[in-house]
Amino acid sequence: MGACTLSLPEHPNTASCQGDSANRKQIENRPLVHGDPSIEFHQAVAPEPGEVTVLKNRINAFAGNDLEQILAAGDVGHLVLAGIATGGVVLSTACLAADLDHRLTVLADGCADPGPELHRLLVEKVFARRGDVFTVDEWVKSLPGQRA
């Protein structure tokens, strides 16, 4: 398994985001800065020693890093998505991942959005057309070696 974390460089180049108001606003507010202890992985989901982590610095998990090359090199074709901003990060990543022919599973209760109706629409209509949608419990029970 691998993991992505979202953070911004300590001194981001805001000029690279001039046409993208969502990214520009994120950089201006600077809520997630690389190296800040508040964005470290929670112990329960922290990567194991030797696991690959990817510094995610844009809304889409594939933008501005080598995630796709890492997945290809590891022959990873199935992605399980969870995260904040169902209508932003998860949607953007899911759409590109599907276009790149990755098999997708979205964990419906592992995602959140400030707009509950948008979250519901994306989970039930959009993500369900691009892959599988499960709750975290359903997904865990589906893993090899887990009891149903």
C-alpha atoms as a PDB file:
ATOM      1  CA  MET A   1       0.000   0.000   0.000  1.00  0.00           C
ATOM      2  CA  GLY A   2       1.038   3.575  -0.421  1.00  0.00           C
ATOM      3  CA  ALA A   3      -0.244   6.930   0.727  1.00  0.00           C
ATOM      4  CA  CYS A   4      -0.634  10.509  -0.420  1.00  0.00           C
ATOM      5  CA  THR A   5      -0.553  13.556   1.784  1.00  0.00           C
ATOM      6  CA  LEU A   6      -1.447  17.078   0.728  1.00  0.00           C
ATOM      7  CA  SER A   7       0.906  19.879   1.649  1.00  0.00           C
ATOM      8  CA  LEU A   8       2.347  22.973   0.087  1.00  0.00           C
ATOM      9  CA  PRO A   9       5.982  23.986  -0.173  1.00  0.00           C
ATOM     10  CA  GLU A  10       7.091  26.420   2.531  1.00  0.00           C
ATOM     11  CA  HIS A  11       7.344  29.224  -0.050  1.00  0.00           C
ATOM     12  CA  PRO A  12       4.877  28.318  -2.808  1.00  0.00           C
ATOM     13  CA  ASN A  13       5.083  29.886  -6.212  1.00  0.00           C
ATOM     14  CA  THR A  14       1.648  31.479  -6.434  1.00  0.00           C
ATOM     15  CA  ALA A  15       2.346  32.568  -9.996  1.00  0.00           C
ATOM     16  CA  SER A  16       1.893  28.965 -11.115  1.00  0.00           C
ATOM     17  CA  CYS A  17      -1.707  29.062  -9.852  1.00  0.00           C
ATOM     18  CA  GLN A  18      -2.891  32.353 -11.360  1.00  0.00           C
ATOM     19  CA  GLY A  19      -5.517  30.746 -13.574  1.00  0.00           C
ATOM     20  CA  ASP A  20      -6.783  28.347 -10.927  1.00  0.00           C
ATOM     21  CA  SER A  21      -8.777  30.132  -8.246  1.00  0.00           C
ATOM     22  CA  ALA A  22      -9.209  27.023  -6.053  1.00  0.00           C
ATOM     23  CA  ASN A  23      -5.465  26.368  -5.885  1.00  0.00           C
ATOM     24  CA  ARG A  24      -4.656  30.060  -5.544  1.00  0.00           C
ATOM     25  CA  LYS A  25      -7.069  30.376  -2.606  1.00  0.00           C
ATOM     26  CA  GLN A  26      -5.579  27.262  -1.011  1.00  0.00           C
ATOM     27  CA  ILE A  27      -2.071  28.694  -1.291  1.00  0.00           C
ATOM     28  CA  GLU A  28      -3.098  32.128  -0.046  1.00  0.00           C
ATOM     29  CA  ASN A  29      -4.757  30.606   3.026  1.00  0.00           C
ATOM     30  CA  ARG A  30      -1.763  28.238   3.489  1.00  0.00           C
ATOM     31  CA  PRO A  31      -3.632  25.745   5.674  1.00  0.00           C
ATOM     32  CA  LEU A  32      -1.320  22.837   4.858  1.00  0.00           C
ATOM     33  CA  VAL A  33       2.394  23.538   4.723  1.00  0.00           C
ATOM     34  CA  HIS A  34       4.965  20.795   4.104  1.00  0.00           C
ATOM     35  CA  GLY A  35       6.820  20.014   7.307  1.00  0.00           C
ATOM     36  CA  ASP A  36       4.053  21.298   9.606  1.00  0.00           C
ATOM     37  CA  PRO A  37       3.405  18.605  12.254  1.00  0.00           C
ATOM     38  CA  SER A  38      -0.365  19.195  11.999  1.00  0.00           C
ATOM     39  CA  ILE A  39      -0.481  17.493   8.588  1.00  0.00           C
ATOM     40  CA  GLU A  40       1.431  14.351   9.534  1.00  0.00           C
ATOM     41  CA  PHE A  41      -0.266  10.975   9.082  1.00  0.00           C
ATOM     42  CA  HIS A  42      -2.349   9.781  12.015  1.00  0.00           C
ATOM     43  CA  GLN A  43      -0.645   6.824  13.734  1.00  0.00           C
ATOM     44  CA  ALA A  44      -3.514   4.513  12.780  1.00  0.00           C
ATOM     45  CA  VAL A  45      -2.913   5.066   9.062  1.00  0.00           C
ATOM     46  CA  ALA A  46       0.751   6.044   8.944  1.00  0.00           C
ATOM     47  CA  PRO A  47       2.791   4.395   6.192  1.00  0.00           C
ATOM     48  CA  GLU A  48       4.955   1.468   7.214  1.00  0.00           C
ATOM     49  CA  PRO A  49       8.725   1.860   6.881  1.00  0.00           C
ATOM     50  CA  GLY A  50       9.645   1.432   3.224  1.00  0.00           C
ATOM     51  CA  GLU A  51       6.170   2.277   1.910  1.00  0.00           C
ATOM     52  CA  VAL A  52       6.079   4.918  -0.792  1.00  0.00           C
ATOM     53  CA  THR A  53       4.539   8.269   0.064  1.00  0.00           C
ATOM     54  CA  VAL A  54       3.828  10.998  -2.450  1.00  0.00           C
ATOM     55  CA  LEU A  55       3.820  14.683  -1.607  1.00  0.00           C
ATOM     56  CA  LYS A  56       0.568  15.949  -3.078  1.00  0.00           C
ATOM     57  CA  ASN A  57       0.679  19.668  -3.763  1.00  0.00           C
ATOM     58  CA  ARG A  58      -2.347  20.230  -6.010  1.00  0.00           C
ATOM     59  CA  ILE A  59      -6.022  19.343  -5.725  1.00  0.00           C
ATOM     60  CA  ASN A  60      -5.665  16.379  -8.089  1.00  0.00           C
ATOM     61  CA  ALA A  61      -3.487  13.652  -6.542  1.00  0.00           C
ATOM     62  CA  PHE A  62      -1.731  13.073  -9.902  1.00  0.00           C
ATOM     63  CA  ALA A  63      -0.800  16.705 -10.625  1.00  0.00           C
ATOM     64  CA  GLY A  64       2.723  17.925 -10.037  1.00  0.00           C
ATOM     65  CA  ASN A  65       4.281  14.695  -8.805  1.00  0.00           C
ATOM     66  CA  ASP A  66       5.296  11.231  -9.970  1.00  0.00           C
ATOM     67  CA  LEU A  67       2.289   9.291  -8.634  1.00  0.00           C
ATOM     68  CA  GLU A  68       1.310   7.799 -12.013  1.00  0.00           C
ATOM     69  CA  GLN A  69       4.880   6.599 -12.664  1.00  0.00           C
ATOM     70  CA  ILE A  70       5.062   5.053  -9.181  1.00  0.00           C
ATOM     71  CA  LEU A  71       1.767   3.234  -9.719  1.00  0.00           C
ATOM     72  CA  ALA A  72       2.874   1.986 -13.138  1.00  0.00           C
ATOM     73  CA  ALA A  73       6.245   0.810 -11.822  1.00  0.00           C
ATOM     74  CA  GLY A  74       4.497  -1.103  -9.040  1.00  0.00           C
ATOM     75  CA  ASP A  75       1.895  -2.529 -11.433  1.00  0.00           C
ATOM     76  CA  VAL A  76      -0.865  -0.927  -9.346  1.00  0.00           C
ATOM     77  CA  GLY A  77      -4.127  -0.770 -11.244  1.00  0.00           C
ATOM     78  CA  HIS A  78      -6.699  -0.503  -8.438  1.00  0.00           C
ATOM     79  CA  LEU A  79      -7.008   2.670  -6.378  1.00  0.00           C
ATOM     80  CA  VAL A  80      -9.089   3.110  -3.235  1.00  0.00           C
ATOM     81  CA  LEU A  81     -10.024   6.743  -2.650  1.00  0.00           C
ATOM     82  CA  ALA A  82     -11.043   8.508   0.543  1.00  0.00           C
ATOM     83  CA  GLY A  83     -10.517  12.054   1.716  1.00  0.00           C
ATOM     84  CA  ILE A  84     -11.862  15.462   2.401  1.00  0.00           C
ATOM     85  CA  ALA A  85     -13.552  17.569  -0.223  1.00  0.00           C
ATOM     86  CA  THR A  86     -15.597  14.972  -2.089  1.00  0.00           C
ATOM     87  CA  GLY A  87     -16.385  17.645  -4.682  1.00  0.00           C
ATOM     88  CA  GLY A  88     -12.756  18.729  -5.031  1.00  0.00           C
ATOM     89  CA  VAL A  89      -9.871  16.400  -4.241  1.00  0.00           C
ATOM     90  CA  VAL A  90     -11.772  13.118  -4.520  1.00  0.00           C
ATOM     91  CA  LEU A  91     -13.705  14.113  -7.663  1.00  0.00           C
ATOM     92  CA  SER A  92     -10.650  15.507  -9.445  1.00  0.00           C
ATOM     93  CA  THR A  93      -8.518  12.486  -8.601  1.00  0.00           C
ATOM     94  CA  ALA A  94     -11.256   9.956  -9.431  1.00  0.00           C
ATOM     95  CA  CYS A  95     -11.921  11.460 -12.859  1.00  0.00           C
ATOM     96  CA  LEU A  96      -8.280  11.466 -13.907  1.00  0.00           C
ATOM     97  CA  ALA A  97      -7.646   8.024 -12.418  1.00  0.00           C
ATOM     98  CA  ALA A  98     -10.577   6.631 -14.411  1.00  0.00           C
ATOM     99  CA  ASP A  99      -9.268   8.330 -17.570  1.00  0.00           C
ATOM    100  CA  LEU A 100      -5.910   6.662 -16.899  1.00  0.00           C
ATOM    101  CA  ASP A 101      -7.721   3.292 -16.791  1.00  0.00           C
ATOM    102  CA  HIS A 102      -7.298   2.649 -13.092  1.00  0.00           C
ATOM    103  CA  ARG A 103      -9.919   0.507 -11.397  1.00  0.00           C
ATOM    104  CA  LEU A 104     -11.538   2.649  -8.681  1.00  0.00           C
ATOM    105  CA  THR A 105     -13.127   2.085  -5.322  1.00  0.00           C
ATOM    106  CA  VAL A 106     -14.450   5.124  -3.477  1.00  0.00           C
ATOM    107  CA  LEU A 107     -15.140   4.810   0.237  1.00  0.00           C
ATOM    108  CA  ALA A 108     -18.365   6.790   0.620  1.00  0.00           C
ATOM    109  CA  ASP A 109     -18.123   7.317   4.375  1.00  0.00           C
ATOM    110  CA  GLY A 110     -14.376   7.888   4.085  1.00  0.00           C
ATOM    111  CA  CYS A 111     -15.066  11.102   2.159  1.00  0.00           C
ATOM    112  CA  ALA A 112     -16.648  14.347   3.300  1.00  0.00           C
ATOM    113  CA  ASP A 113     -17.836  17.548   1.721  1.00  0.00           C
ATOM    114  CA  PRO A 114     -19.266  20.760   3.172  1.00  0.00           C
ATOM    115  CA  GLY A 115     -22.286  20.211   0.918  1.00  0.00           C
ATOM    116  CA  PRO A 116     -24.048  16.981   1.928  1.00  0.00           C
ATOM    117  CA  GLU A 117     -26.207  16.989  -1.208  1.00  0.00           C
ATOM    118  CA  LEU A 118     -23.152  17.326  -3.463  1.00  0.00           C
ATOM    119  CA  HIS A 119     -21.458  14.492  -1.567  1.00  0.00           C
ATOM    120  CA  ARG A 120     -24.529  12.268  -2.021  1.00  0.00           C
ATOM    121  CA  LEU A 121     -24.829  13.101  -5.739  1.00  0.00           C
ATOM    122  CA  LEU A 122     -21.154  12.385  -6.414  1.00  0.00           C
ATOM    123  CA  VAL A 123     -21.132   9.128  -4.477  1.00  0.00           C
ATOM    124  CA  GLU A 124     -24.407   7.777  -5.849  1.00  0.00           C
ATOM    125  CA  LYS A 125     -24.219   9.016  -9.445  1.00  0.00           C
ATOM    126  CA  VAL A 126     -20.729  10.016 -10.532  1.00  0.00           C
ATOM    127  CA  PHE A 127     -18.383   7.680  -8.650  1.00  0.00           C
ATOM    128  CA  ALA A 128     -20.718   4.703  -9.047  1.00  0.00           C
ATOM    129  CA  ARG A 129     -20.358   5.066 -12.839  1.00  0.00           C
ATOM    130  CA  ARG A 130     -16.562   5.123 -12.667  1.00  0.00           C
ATOM    131  CA  GLY A 131     -15.997   2.308 -10.205  1.00  0.00           C
ATOM    132  CA  ASP A 132     -17.159   0.674  -7.006  1.00  0.00           C
ATOM    133  CA  VAL A 133     -18.558   2.570  -4.049  1.00  0.00           C
ATOM    134  CA  PHE A 134     -18.432   0.976  -0.605  1.00  0.00           C
ATOM    135  CA  THR A 135     -18.521   2.055   3.005  1.00  0.00           C
ATOM    136  CA  VAL A 136     -15.255   1.593   4.863  1.00  0.00           C
ATOM    137  CA  ASP A 137     -16.714  -1.412   6.722  1.00  0.00           C
ATOM    138  CA  GLU A 138     -17.942  -3.031   3.492  1.00  0.00           C
ATOM    139  CA  TRP A 139     -14.553  -2.551   1.882  1.00  0.00           C
ATOM    140  CA  VAL A 140     -12.624  -3.929   4.864  1.00  0.00           C
ATOM    141  CA  LYS A 141     -14.886  -7.006   4.939  1.00  0.00           C
ATOM    142  CA  SER A 142     -14.221  -7.548   1.218  1.00  0.00           C
ATOM    143  CA  LEU A 143     -10.462  -7.768   1.710  1.00  0.00           C
ATOM    144  CA  PRO A 144      -8.862 -11.217   1.524  1.00  0.00           C
ATOM    145  CA  GLY A 145      -8.685 -12.828   4.944  1.00  0.00           C
ATOM    146  CA  GLN A 146     -11.474 -10.731   6.437  1.00  0.00           C
ATOM    147  CA  ARG A 147     -14.634 -12.238   7.834  1.00  0.00           C
ATOM    148  CA  ALA A 148     -17.878 -11.225   6.166  1.00  0.00           C
END
